[in-house]
Amino acid sequence: NPGKKTDVSLTLSEAVIALKEPTEEDIPKEHKLTVSVINNQTLGVFSHLA
């Protein structure tokens, strides 16, 4: 739909979240991305399920 914003989110796996050092802040699991209209560009979304 023209004019409708697309919701894009990213969910990190537990394995990625576990990569932080004990002294670092927790890594958020869910990330919402802001999508802007940019002519002549394409957003590619890749996913991997282990």
Protein backbone atom coordinates (compact mmCIF):
# COMPACT_ATOMS: atom_id res chain seq x y z
CA ASN A 1 0.00 0.00 0.00
CA PRO A 2 1.41 3.38 -0.93
CA GLY A 3 1.88 5.62 2.10
CA LYS A 4 1.69 2.74 4.56
CA LYS A 5 4.81 2.20 6.66
CA THR A 6 6.22 -1.31 6.73
CA ASP A 7 7.02 -2.84 10.11
CA VAL A 8 10.44 -4.47 10.16
CA SER A 9 11.81 -6.19 13.23
CA LEU A 10 14.83 -8.28 14.08
CA THR A 11 14.94 -11.04 16.69
CA LEU A 12 18.34 -12.24 17.87
CA SER A 13 18.92 -15.89 18.70
CA GLU A 14 19.83 -17.00 22.22
CA ALA A 15 23.29 -17.96 20.88
CA VAL A 16 23.93 -14.38 19.73
CA ILE A 17 22.63 -12.91 22.99
CA ALA A 18 24.97 -15.20 24.92
CA LEU A 19 28.03 -13.71 23.15
CA LYS A 20 28.20 -10.74 25.51
CA GLU A 21 30.87 -10.49 28.19
CA PRO A 22 29.68 -10.81 31.82
CA THR A 23 30.56 -7.16 32.46
CA GLU A 24 28.60 -5.87 29.44
CA GLU A 25 24.97 -4.78 29.42
CA ASP A 26 22.39 -7.32 28.26
CA ILE A 27 21.84 -7.46 24.51
CA PRO A 28 18.18 -6.81 23.62
CA LYS A 29 16.54 -9.75 21.85
CA GLU A 30 13.96 -7.73 19.89
CA HIS A 31 14.83 -4.80 17.62
CA LYS A 32 12.34 -2.69 15.68
CA LEU A 33 13.71 -0.93 12.62
CA THR A 34 12.48 2.34 11.14
CA VAL A 35 11.96 2.12 7.40
CA SER A 36 11.99 5.28 5.30
CA VAL A 37 10.91 5.69 1.71
CA ILE A 38 14.00 5.95 -0.48
CA ASN A 39 13.42 5.79 -4.22
CA ASN A 40 15.35 3.29 -6.32
CA GLN A 41 16.55 1.21 -3.37
CA THR A 42 15.49 -2.22 -2.21
CA LEU A 43 15.52 -3.68 1.29
CA GLY A 44 16.61 -7.30 1.43
CA VAL A 45 15.71 -9.35 4.50
CA PHE A 46 17.59 -12.54 5.27
CA SER A 47 16.75 -15.02 7.98
CA HIS A 48 18.39 -18.16 9.29
CA LEU A 49 16.78 -20.76 11.50
CA ALA A 50 19.10 -23.26 13.11
